[in-house]
Amino acid sequence: MPGGLTVQVSVDSEYGVLVNGYFLSQNGFHFDNVTDIIDGTKVFLSFPQNRDAPLSKQISDDPGKEAVDQRFECPIGRLVFLFSFILKIGRLRYIMTNKSQHPFIVFGAPQIKTPEIEEVIETLKSGWLGTGPKVARFEHNFARYKNISPANVAAVNSCTAALHISMIAAGLEPGDEVITTPMTFCATVNSIIHAGLTPVLADVHPSTFNINPEAIEAAITSRTRAILVVHFAGRPCEMDKIMTIAKQYNLCVIEDCAHAIETEYHGEKTGTIGNFGCFSFYVTKNVITGEGGMVLAQQEQDINRVKRLALHGMSKDAWHRFGDSGFKHYQVMECGFKYNMMDIQAAIGIHQLARVDENWQRRKVIWNRYQEAFAEFPVVCPIDPAPNTRHGYHLYTLLIDKQQTGITRDEFLDAMTKENVGVGVHYLSIPEHPFYQQKFGWKPEDYPQAMKIGRQTISLPLSAKLTDDEIKNIVLAIRSILDHR
């Protein structure tokens, strides 16, 4: 082995890369102008004797503790601060890739278990794949979970469809204005447009990311007919204030609960507070059917119309037309859509819904681990759930401010991908998109809170499928990125 200072670098199963027993980073590095000697699972780094000693720097001996100075004795009689030397020559990949790298962690990977698989197989064997008994069973179970009558729910093929036909069933007319949030997926606004209505944006609260009731009231005009709220990330909106505004101005309230199946506000379950509640069972959601949605309505006649609109405007669906009680004639009552859920989808949802609280508990654990791990990081973590509410824990978001972190949000996204961690952005604010700018003249700066959030936010994996090791790897990846910014 060449002369000079020799440092042993090894891989620790708990913390990642260690230098002489001290934590350095998850993914590691290599050195310029030094000799790397691989010996089994360890790397020995030899520094030439004439190498200049670097400036001092802190090195952490435990990723959960404050950094402390660690001095290393040099054979040449000088104190060398190793960690500064490493930073000086740059952060590069550790050559023991097979030890430090982990498989790619998929963002929002669903947890699929044997009961779902067996139910789907049984459905395929039954010969009834379209809307049928499994959909009816799923609707009944969902109604029971929400503590409402099965007569007040209707399964559809997406939350977008649910939003669209809810607004039609509400009796809203072309040109009516619907107030909604700029911090949402495009489907929220698109469904308003598809219903022939005019979307109006009201900015969000900077800490909850939910629509601000004061901004709602300020946006009301003589043409306003409805408020479409989004319970962002699973955090409930301030529904007491919103319902008071709605009552004062005689407005319909539609809840976009795509993130909020388990969410509760002051003892009430989301989706049952407003006139309509719309849910998503998309593959990344808390309960999944691959694609799928559900409408809840306060009035049974509204659900009857939703069901009719969801299947071409026909008076009977396939289950009632072709069931074992014999063929039933149908009539087309209005021009509807093809928005019905299939039994194949419901077969998955039945067992997903049966584990909804179990999975919620797991996501809560992950959320709290993130909160604890990132408390001292130069990032903005979500605020804790408000008293007398139940957070759905659908998304865990961080805000990445370059002035605080030394790295932009998009650079952070790229760095996470390089660390083999899938991430998301929820969302660029609606006015950032060219279509809405051109159609409505919206400008991002007119909604400053949503603009700031949208340009800084990043969503971390929060699936109940995540293992403890994957959670650890996500935390270490973020530590590594921020340590080497």
Protein backbone atom coordinates (compact mmCIF):
# COMPACT_ATOMS: atom_id res chain seq x y z
CA MET A 1 0.00 0.00 0.00
CA PRO A 2 1.42 3.47 -0.93
CA GLY A 3 2.85 5.69 1.77
CA GLY A 4 1.04 8.54 3.46
CA LEU A 5 -2.22 8.64 5.37
CA THR A 6 -4.43 5.58 4.87
CA VAL A 7 -8.11 5.85 5.70
CA GLN A 8 -10.49 2.89 5.84
CA VAL A 9 -13.90 3.42 4.24
CA SER A 10 -16.60 0.81 4.84
CA VAL A 11 -20.33 0.33 4.33
CA ASP A 12 -22.49 0.16 7.43
CA SER A 13 -25.94 -1.47 7.07
CA GLU A 14 -27.54 1.08 9.40
CA TYR A 15 -26.04 4.41 8.35
CA GLY A 16 -24.41 3.98 4.94
CA VAL A 17 -20.80 5.03 4.28
CA LEU A 18 -18.42 5.30 7.23
CA VAL A 19 -14.96 6.88 7.32
CA ASN A 20 -12.88 5.48 10.16
CA GLY A 21 -16.20 4.67 11.82
CA TYR A 22 -17.74 8.10 11.29
CA PHE A 23 -20.85 8.67 9.16
CA LEU A 24 -20.26 10.45 5.87
CA SER A 25 -23.02 9.89 3.32
CA GLN A 26 -25.28 7.30 1.82
CA ASN A 27 -23.99 7.15 -1.72
CA GLY A 28 -20.38 8.12 -1.17
CA PHE A 29 -17.53 9.54 -3.21
CA HIS A 30 -14.15 8.97 -4.74
CA PHE A 31 -10.91 10.98 -4.53
CA ASP A 32 -8.71 12.75 -7.05
CA ASN A 33 -4.94 12.20 -6.81
CA VAL A 34 -5.22 9.40 -4.28
CA THR A 35 -4.89 5.65 -4.58
CA ASP A 36 -8.03 3.55 -4.11
CA ILE A 37 -7.43 -0.05 -3.06
CA ILE A 38 -10.40 -2.38 -2.89
CA ASP A 39 -10.23 -5.10 -0.26
CA GLY A 40 -13.42 -7.12 0.00
CA THR A 41 -16.18 -4.80 1.19
CA LYS A 42 -13.77 -2.02 2.21
CA VAL A 43 -11.83 0.66 0.36
CA PHE A 44 -8.50 2.00 1.58
CA LEU A 45 -7.70 5.55 0.47
CA SER A 46 -4.04 6.57 0.57
CA PHE A 47 -3.08 10.24 0.59
CA PRO A 48 0.35 11.29 -0.76
CA GLN A 49 2.65 12.61 1.96
CA ASN A 50 3.13 15.93 0.20
CA ARG A 51 -0.57 16.63 -0.02
CA ASP A 52 -1.52 20.03 1.42
CA ALA A 53 -3.60 19.83 4.58
CA PRO A 54 -7.12 21.14 3.97
CA LEU A 55 -9.10 23.61 6.04
CA SER A 56 -11.09 22.37 9.03
CA LYS A 57 -14.63 21.12 8.62
CA GLN A 58 -17.17 19.34 10.74
CA ILE A 59 -17.95 15.67 10.38
CA SER A 60 -20.96 13.94 11.86
CA ASP A 61 -20.41 10.81 13.93
CA ASP A 62 -24.12 9.96 13.91
CA PRO A 63 -26.72 11.04 11.31
CA GLY A 64 -29.19 11.77 14.10
CA LYS A 65 -26.87 14.10 16.07
CA GLU A 66 -25.21 17.46 15.61
CA ALA A 67 -21.94 17.46 13.69
CA VAL A 68 -18.75 17.38 15.79
CA ASP A 69 -15.11 18.04 14.92
CA GLN A 70 -13.02 14.91 14.47
CA ARG A 71 -9.28 15.29 13.98
CA PHE A 72 -7.21 12.66 12.24
CA GLU A 73 -3.49 12.27 12.92
CA CYS A 74 -1.25 12.44 9.85
CA PRO A 75 2.06 10.56 9.69
CA ILE A 76 3.62 13.81 8.50
CA GLY A 77 2.80 15.33 11.88
CA ARG A 78 -0.01 17.64 10.82
CA LEU A 79 -3.69 17.63 11.70
CA VAL A 80 -5.82 16.79 8.68
CA PHE A 81 -9.51 17.39 8.71
CA LEU A 82 -10.63 14.62 6.40
CA PHE A 83 -14.16 15.68 5.75
CA SER A 84 -13.10 19.10 4.46
CA PHE A 85 -10.67 17.40 2.12
CA ILE A 86 -13.45 15.29 0.72
CA LEU A 87 -15.67 18.34 0.20
CA LYS A 88 -12.81 20.25 -1.37
CA ILE A 89 -12.28 17.74 -4.16
CA GLY A 90 -16.03 17.21 -4.72
CA ARG A 91 -18.78 14.72 -4.05
CA LEU A 92 -18.63 11.76 -6.42
CA ARG A 93 -19.98 8.23 -6.40
CA TYR A 94 -18.62 5.72 -3.94
CA ILE A 95 -17.01 2.90 -5.90
CA MET A 96 -18.68 0.22 -3.81
CA THR A 97 -21.95 0.71 -5.73
CA ASN A 98 -23.23 -2.79 -5.05
CA LYS A 99 -23.15 -2.08 -1.32
CA SER A 100 -24.44 1.52 -1.15
CA GLN A 101 -27.03 1.62 -3.92
CA HIS A 102 -30.56 0.38 -3.42
CA PRO A 103 -33.27 -0.50 -5.93
CA PHE A 104 -35.31 2.39 -7.28
CA ILE A 105 -38.07 3.41 -4.85
CA VAL A 106 -41.21 4.02 -6.90
CA PHE A 107 -43.29 7.04 -5.91
CA GLY A 108 -46.82 6.04 -4.96
CA ALA A 109 -46.41 2.30 -5.54
CA PRO A 110 -49.67 0.61 -4.48
CA GLN A 111 -49.80 -2.20 -1.98
CA ILE A 112 -51.51 -5.12 -3.71
CA LYS A 113 -52.12 -8.30 -1.72
CA THR A 114 -53.49 -11.77 -2.39
CA PRO A 115 -57.20 -10.99 -1.69
CA GLU A 116 -57.31 -8.39 -4.50
CA ILE A 117 -55.63 -10.77 -6.93
CA GLU A 118 -57.96 -13.64 -6.07
CA GLU A 119 -61.02 -11.39 -6.34
CA VAL A 120 -59.98 -10.21 -9.79
CA ILE A 121 -59.41 -13.79 -10.94
CA GLU A 122 -62.81 -14.81 -9.59
CA THR A 123 -64.38 -11.87 -11.46
CA LEU A 124 -62.72 -12.89 -14.71
CA LYS A 125 -63.94 -16.44 -14.28
CA SER A 126 -67.49 -15.27 -13.51
CA GLY A 127 -67.97 -13.86 -16.99
CA TRP A 128 -69.25 -10.55 -15.58
CA LEU A 129 -66.53 -7.94 -16.12
CA GLY A 130 -68.54 -4.74 -16.56
CA THR A 131 -70.72 -2.89 -14.04
CA GLY A 132 -72.28 -5.57 -11.87
CA PRO A 133 -72.39 -7.14 -8.42
CA LYS A 134 -68.83 -6.23 -7.44
CA VAL A 135 -69.49 -2.54 -8.15
CA ALA A 136 -72.67 -2.72 -6.07
CA ARG A 137 -70.72 -4.35 -3.24
CA PHE A 138 -67.97 -1.75 -3.40
CA GLU A 139 -70.53 1.07 -3.34
CA HIS A 140 -72.23 -0.49 -0.32
CA ASN A 141 -68.94 -0.89 1.55
CA PHE A 142 -67.86 2.66 0.75
CA ALA A 143 -71.19 4.04 1.96
CA ARG A 144 -70.79 2.10 5.20
CA TYR A 145 -67.26 3.48 5.64
CA LYS A 146 -68.62 7.01 5.20
CA ASN A 147 -71.62 6.35 7.47
CA ILE A 148 -74.19 7.16 4.79
CA SER A 149 -76.86 5.25 2.91
CA PRO A 150 -75.84 3.17 -0.14
CA ALA A 151 -78.55 5.10 -1.99
CA ASN A 152 -76.32 8.19 -1.76
CA VAL A 153 -73.21 6.82 -3.52
CA ALA A 154 -72.34 6.07 -7.14
CA ALA A 155 -69.15 4.46 -8.44
CA VAL A 156 -67.63 5.92 -11.61
CA ASN A 157 -64.42 5.45 -13.56
CA SER A 158 -62.44 8.44 -12.24
CA CYS A 159 -62.58 11.39 -9.89
CA THR A 160 -62.55 13.64 -12.96
CA ALA A 161 -65.79 11.99 -14.10
CA ALA A 162 -67.18 12.34 -10.58
CA LEU A 163 -66.48 16.08 -10.53
CA HIS A 164 -67.86 16.60 -14.03
CA ILE A 165 -71.23 14.92 -13.55
CA SER A 166 -71.64 16.25 -10.01
CA MET A 167 -71.66 19.77 -11.38
CA ILE A 168 -74.21 18.79 -14.02
CA ALA A 169 -76.35 16.99 -11.45
CA ALA A 170 -76.15 20.10 -9.24
CA GLY A 171 -78.05 21.98 -11.93
CA LEU A 172 -75.29 24.44 -12.71
CA GLU A 173 -75.79 26.25 -16.02
CA PRO A 174 -73.29 27.22 -18.73
CA GLY A 175 -71.53 30.43 -17.80
CA ASP A 176 -72.00 29.98 -14.05
CA GLU A 177 -68.83 30.61 -12.05
CA VAL A 178 -67.24 27.98 -9.83
CA ILE A 179 -64.57 29.11 -7.35
CA THR A 180 -61.70 26.67 -6.82
CA THR A 181 -58.04 26.48 -5.81
CA PRO A 182 -54.98 27.13 -8.00
CA MET A 183 -53.09 24.48 -6.01
CA THR A 184 -54.59 21.35 -7.56
CA PHE A 185 -54.32 18.89 -10.41
CA CYS A 186 -55.57 20.15 -13.77
CA ALA A 187 -58.55 17.72 -13.63
CA THR A 188 -60.26 19.94 -11.05
CA VAL A 189 -60.31 22.95 -13.37
CA ASN A 190 -60.84 20.89 -16.52
CA SER A 191 -64.00 19.31 -15.09
CA ILE A 192 -65.43 22.80 -14.53
CA ILE A 193 -64.68 23.69 -18.14
CA HIS A 194 -66.15 20.41 -19.47
CA ALA A 195 -69.37 21.16 -17.59
CA GLY A 196 -69.62 24.44 -19.51
CA LEU A 197 -68.85 26.50 -16.43
CA THR A 198 -66.34 29.24 -15.71
CA PRO A 199 -63.54 28.52 -13.21
CA VAL A 200 -62.50 31.30 -10.84
CA LEU A 201 -59.39 30.89 -8.70
CA ALA A 202 -58.94 31.83 -5.04
CA ASP A 203 -55.46 31.65 -3.54
CA VAL A 204 -54.41 29.19 -0.84
CA HIS A 205 -53.24 29.46 2.74
CA PRO A 206 -49.41 29.43 2.81
CA SER A 207 -49.10 26.73 5.48
CA THR A 208 -52.05 24.40 4.77
CA PHE A 209 -51.91 24.70 0.94
CA ASN A 210 -55.74 24.60 1.06
CA ILE A 211 -58.03 27.23 -0.44
CA ASN A 212 -58.31 30.29 1.79
CA PRO A 213 -61.91 31.05 2.87
CA GLU A 214 -61.15 34.79 2.83
CA ALA A 215 -59.98 34.51 -0.77
CA ILE A 216 -63.16 32.58 -1.63
CA GLU A 217 -65.39 35.36 -0.32
CA ALA A 218 -63.34 37.99 -2.14
CA ALA A 219 -63.81 36.11 -5.45
CA ILE A 220 -67.61 35.87 -5.28
CA THR A 221 -69.56 37.75 -7.98
CA SER A 222 -73.19 37.84 -9.08
CA ARG A 223 -72.43 34.87 -11.35
CA THR A 224 -70.92 32.62 -8.67
CA ARG A 225 -72.92 29.44 -8.16
CA ALA A 226 -70.53 26.93 -6.54
CA ILE A 227 -67.34 26.38 -4.56
CA LEU A 228 -65.15 23.41 -5.46
CA VAL A 229 -62.77 22.74 -2.56
CA VAL A 230 -59.77 20.39 -2.66
CA HIS A 231 -58.59 18.74 0.56
CA PHE A 232 -54.94 18.99 -0.42
CA ALA A 233 -52.63 16.10 0.53
CA GLY A 234 -55.35 14.74 2.83
CA ARG A 235 -55.58 17.86 5.03
CA PRO A 236 -59.20 19.04 5.38
CA CYS A 237 -60.17 22.52 4.28
CA GLU A 238 -61.73 24.89 6.80
CA MET A 239 -65.19 23.56 6.08
CA ASP A 240 -67.01 25.47 8.85
CA LYS A 241 -66.01 28.79 7.34
CA ILE A 242 -66.58 27.58 3.77
CA MET A 243 -70.05 26.21 4.50
CA THR A 244 -70.97 29.47 6.24
CA ILE A 245 -69.96 31.39 3.11
CA ALA A 246 -71.88 28.95 0.93
CA LYS A 247 -75.02 29.35 3.00
CA GLN A 248 -74.75 33.13 3.03
CA TYR A 249 -74.45 33.32 -0.78
CA ASN A 250 -76.63 30.26 -1.60
CA LEU A 251 -73.78 28.36 -3.23
CA CYS A 252 -73.36 24.64 -3.95
CA VAL A 253 -70.28 23.05 -2.36
CA ILE A 254 -68.46 20.21 -4.11
CA GLU A 255 -65.61 18.48 -2.27
CA ASP A 256 -62.70 17.14 -4.30
CA CYS A 257 -61.61 14.32 -1.99
CA ALA A 258 -59.07 12.72 -4.33
CA HIS A 259 -56.49 12.91 -1.50
CA ALA A 260 -58.89 12.56 1.37
CA ILE A 261 -60.69 9.23 1.70
CA GLU A 262 -59.90 8.91 5.43
CA THR A 263 -59.97 12.63 6.21
CA GLU A 264 -62.31 14.07 8.83
CA TYR A 265 -63.13 17.62 9.88
CA HIS A 266 -64.64 18.33 13.30
CA GLY A 267 -66.14 14.87 13.48
CA GLU A 268 -67.52 14.86 9.93
CA LYS A 269 -66.12 12.71 7.15
CA THR A 270 -64.96 14.50 4.03
CA GLY A 271 -67.27 14.09 1.08
CA THR A 272 -70.32 14.21 3.35
CA ILE A 273 -70.06 17.88 4.37
CA GLY A 274 -70.80 19.63 1.07
CA ASN A 275 -73.57 18.90 -1.44
CA PHE A 276 -71.34 16.47 -3.34
CA GLY A 277 -68.13 14.57 -2.51
CA CYS A 278 -65.86 13.18 -5.23
CA PHE A 279 -63.20 10.53 -4.64
CA SER A 280 -60.33 9.02 -6.62
CA PHE A 281 -59.11 5.42 -6.69
CA TYR A 282 -56.26 6.09 -9.10
CA VAL A 283 -53.21 3.88 -8.73
CA THR A 284 -51.31 6.29 -6.44
CA LYS A 285 -54.22 7.00 -4.12
CA ASN A 286 -54.91 5.69 -0.61
CA VAL A 287 -57.49 3.19 -1.92
CA ILE A 288 -56.92 2.06 -5.49
CA THR A 289 -58.84 0.35 -8.26
CA GLY A 290 -56.29 1.20 -10.96
CA GLU A 291 -58.65 3.84 -12.30
CA GLY A 292 -61.89 4.73 -10.57
CA GLY A 293 -63.92 7.24 -8.61
CA MET A 294 -66.97 7.69 -6.41
CA VAL A 295 -69.65 10.34 -5.98
CA LEU A 296 -71.43 11.01 -2.69
CA ALA A 297 -74.46 13.29 -2.58
CA GLN A 298 -76.69 14.63 0.15
CA GLN A 299 -79.81 14.09 -1.95
CA GLU A 300 -80.78 10.67 -3.34
CA GLN A 301 -82.28 12.23 -6.49
CA ASP A 302 -78.88 13.77 -7.25
CA ILE A 303 -77.22 10.35 -7.08
CA ASN A 304 -79.90 8.89 -9.33
CA ARG A 305 -79.04 11.50 -11.93
CA VAL A 306 -75.30 10.93 -11.44
CA LYS A 307 -75.80 7.23 -12.15
CA ARG A 308 -77.85 8.01 -15.24
CA LEU A 309 -75.31 10.52 -16.54
CA ALA A 310 -72.49 8.03 -15.93
CA LEU A 311 -73.99 5.53 -18.41
CA HIS A 312 -75.16 7.33 -21.52
CA GLY A 313 -78.23 8.79 -19.82
CA MET A 314 -79.92 5.37 -19.80
CA SER A 315 -82.58 4.45 -17.30
CA LYS A 316 -81.03 1.01 -16.61
CA ASP A 317 -77.41 -0.10 -16.33
CA ALA A 318 -76.03 -3.41 -17.63
CA TRP A 319 -76.49 -5.15 -14.28
CA HIS A 320 -80.19 -4.38 -14.29
CA ARG A 321 -80.63 -5.00 -18.03
CA PHE A 322 -78.88 -8.35 -18.27
CA GLY A 323 -79.14 -9.79 -14.74
CA ASP A 324 -80.56 -13.20 -13.86
CA SER A 325 -84.02 -11.72 -13.36
CA GLY A 326 -84.33 -11.32 -17.12
CA PHE A 327 -83.81 -8.62 -19.71
CA LYS A 328 -85.09 -5.17 -18.85
CA HIS A 329 -85.83 -2.53 -21.45
CA TYR A 330 -84.21 0.84 -20.96
CA GLN A 331 -84.85 4.37 -22.15
CA VAL A 332 -82.35 7.14 -22.82
CA MET A 333 -83.44 9.98 -20.58
CA GLU A 334 -80.70 12.49 -21.46
CA CYS A 335 -77.35 12.72 -23.25
CA GLY A 336 -74.94 11.11 -20.78
CA PHE A 337 -71.38 9.85 -20.72
CA LYS A 338 -69.44 6.58 -20.47
CA TYR A 339 -68.23 6.98 -16.91
CA ASN A 340 -69.24 3.69 -15.24
CA MET A 341 -66.92 1.56 -13.09
CA MET A 342 -66.23 -2.08 -14.02
CA ASP A 343 -66.43 -5.11 -11.73
CA ILE A 344 -62.74 -5.79 -12.41
CA GLN A 345 -61.91 -2.42 -10.87
CA ALA A 346 -64.31 -2.88 -7.96
CA ALA A 347 -62.81 -6.30 -7.23
CA ILE A 348 -59.56 -4.54 -6.33
CA GLY A 349 -61.27 -1.75 -4.42
CA ILE A 350 -63.28 -4.06 -2.17
CA HIS A 351 -60.14 -5.40 -0.49
CA GLN A 352 -58.27 -2.11 -0.64
CA LEU A 353 -61.11 -0.50 1.29
CA ALA A 354 -61.05 -3.33 3.84
CA ARG A 355 -57.45 -2.31 4.72
CA VAL A 356 -58.01 1.44 4.57
CA ASP A 357 -57.41 2.09 8.27
CA GLU A 358 -54.49 -0.33 8.46
CA ASN A 359 -52.80 1.45 5.58
CA TRP A 360 -53.63 4.85 7.04
CA GLN A 361 -51.88 3.87 10.27
CA ARG A 362 -48.78 2.82 8.32
CA ARG A 363 -48.67 6.09 6.37
CA LYS A 364 -49.06 8.01 9.62
CA VAL A 365 -45.98 6.23 10.98
CA ILE A 366 -44.01 7.13 7.84
CA TRP A 367 -45.22 10.74 7.98
CA ASN A 368 -44.08 11.08 11.60
CA ARG A 369 -40.68 9.55 10.81
CA TYR A 370 -40.23 12.13 8.07
CA GLN A 371 -41.29 14.93 10.40
CA GLU A 372 -38.74 13.84 12.99
CA ALA A 373 -35.95 13.23 10.48
CA PHE A 374 -36.30 16.55 8.64
CA ALA A 375 -37.00 18.79 11.64
CA GLU A 376 -33.45 20.21 11.64
CA PHE A 377 -32.99 20.22 7.85
CA PRO A 378 -33.06 23.54 5.92
CA VAL A 379 -36.41 22.63 4.34
CA VAL A 380 -40.03 23.51 5.13
CA CYS A 381 -41.96 20.51 6.45
CA PRO A 382 -45.77 20.23 6.56
CA ILE A 383 -47.47 21.69 9.60
CA ASP A 384 -49.06 19.22 12.00
CA PRO A 385 -52.75 18.34 11.55
CA ALA A 386 -55.15 20.83 13.14
CA PRO A 387 -56.98 19.83 16.34
CA ASN A 388 -60.23 17.90 15.90
CA THR A 389 -59.29 16.81 12.38
CA ARG A 390 -58.04 13.62 10.80
CA HIS A 391 -55.37 14.01 8.14
CA GLY A 392 -55.52 11.52 5.28
CA TYR A 393 -51.70 11.37 4.97
CA HIS A 394 -51.88 11.08 1.21
CA LEU A 395 -48.88 13.28 0.41
CA TYR A 396 -45.79 14.30 2.33
CA THR A 397 -44.41 17.48 0.83
CA LEU A 398 -41.27 19.52 1.45
CA LEU A 399 -40.59 23.05 0.25
CA ILE A 400 -37.12 23.52 -1.22
CA ASP A 401 -36.02 27.16 -1.02
CA LYS A 402 -32.69 27.71 -2.76
CA GLN A 403 -31.75 30.49 -0.35
CA GLN A 404 -32.01 28.01 2.52
CA THR A 405 -30.82 24.81 0.86
CA GLY A 406 -28.34 26.03 -1.75
CA ILE A 407 -30.16 24.00 -4.40
CA THR A 408 -33.22 24.66 -6.54
CA ARG A 409 -36.32 22.49 -6.39
CA ASP A 410 -35.71 21.06 -9.86
CA GLU A 411 -32.05 20.33 -9.04
CA PHE A 412 -33.32 18.57 -5.93
CA LEU A 413 -35.71 16.48 -8.06
CA ASP A 414 -32.86 15.41 -10.32
CA ALA A 415 -30.63 14.62 -7.35
CA MET A 416 -33.32 12.42 -5.79
CA THR A 417 -33.68 10.49 -9.03
CA LYS A 418 -29.92 9.92 -9.04
CA GLU A 419 -30.29 8.63 -5.49
CA ASN A 420 -32.81 6.08 -6.81
CA VAL A 421 -35.78 7.69 -5.10
CA GLY A 422 -38.95 8.50 -7.03
CA VAL A 423 -40.54 11.83 -6.20
CA GLY A 424 -43.46 13.97 -7.36
CA VAL A 425 -44.54 17.60 -7.68
CA HIS A 426 -48.00 18.43 -6.33
CA TYR A 427 -48.41 20.84 -8.04
CA LEU A 428 -47.25 23.61 -10.29
CA SER A 429 -49.98 26.15 -9.70
CA ILE A 430 -52.73 26.12 -12.33
CA PRO A 431 -51.84 29.59 -13.73
CA GLU A 432 -48.33 28.33 -14.59
CA HIS A 433 -49.75 26.27 -17.47
CA PRO A 434 -49.97 27.84 -20.96
CA PHE A 435 -53.52 26.68 -21.71
CA TYR A 436 -55.05 28.49 -18.74
CA GLN A 437 -52.93 31.59 -19.34
CA GLN A 438 -54.19 31.79 -22.90
CA LYS A 439 -57.84 30.93 -22.16
CA PHE A 440 -58.40 32.95 -18.99
CA GLY A 441 -55.48 35.39 -18.87
CA TRP A 442 -54.35 33.98 -15.52
CA LYS A 443 -50.91 34.95 -14.26
CA PRO A 444 -49.02 32.98 -11.58
CA GLU A 445 -48.14 36.14 -9.66
CA ASP A 446 -51.84 36.92 -9.19
CA TYR A 447 -51.94 33.93 -6.82
CA PRO A 448 -48.63 34.40 -4.99
CA GLN A 449 -49.06 31.72 -2.33
CA ALA A 450 -49.86 29.00 -4.86
CA MET A 451 -47.07 30.23 -7.13
CA LYS A 452 -44.46 30.02 -4.35
CA ILE A 453 -45.59 26.58 -3.21
CA GLY A 454 -45.76 25.25 -6.75
CA ARG A 455 -42.21 26.35 -7.52
CA GLN A 456 -40.73 24.89 -4.34
CA THR A 457 -42.74 21.78 -3.51
CA ILE A 458 -41.59 18.18 -3.77
CA SER A 459 -43.54 15.09 -2.69
CA LEU A 460 -41.80 12.10 -1.11
CA PRO A 461 -42.97 8.48 -1.28
CA LEU A 462 -45.69 7.82 1.31
CA SER A 463 -47.10 4.46 0.30
CA ALA A 464 -48.10 1.91 2.92
CA LYS A 465 -45.95 -0.46 0.87
CA LEU A 466 -42.73 1.30 1.91
CA THR A 467 -40.38 -0.79 4.05
CA ASP A 468 -38.39 0.58 6.98
CA ASP A 469 -35.20 0.22 4.92
CA GLU A 470 -36.73 2.24 2.09
CA ILE A 471 -37.76 4.99 4.50
CA LYS A 472 -34.21 5.03 5.86
CA ASN A 473 -32.79 5.25 2.34
CA ILE A 474 -35.07 8.17 1.49
CA VAL A 475 -33.96 10.09 4.57
CA LEU A 476 -30.30 9.34 3.90
CA ALA A 477 -30.66 10.42 0.27
CA ILE A 478 -32.01 13.80 1.33
CA ARG A 479 -29.30 14.16 3.98
CA SER A 480 -26.66 13.38 1.38
CA ILE A 481 -28.05 15.89 -1.13
CA LEU A 482 -28.28 18.69 1.42
CA ASP A 483 -24.89 17.91 2.93
CA HIS A 484 -23.21 18.23 -0.47
CA ARG A 485 -25.15 21.14 -1.96
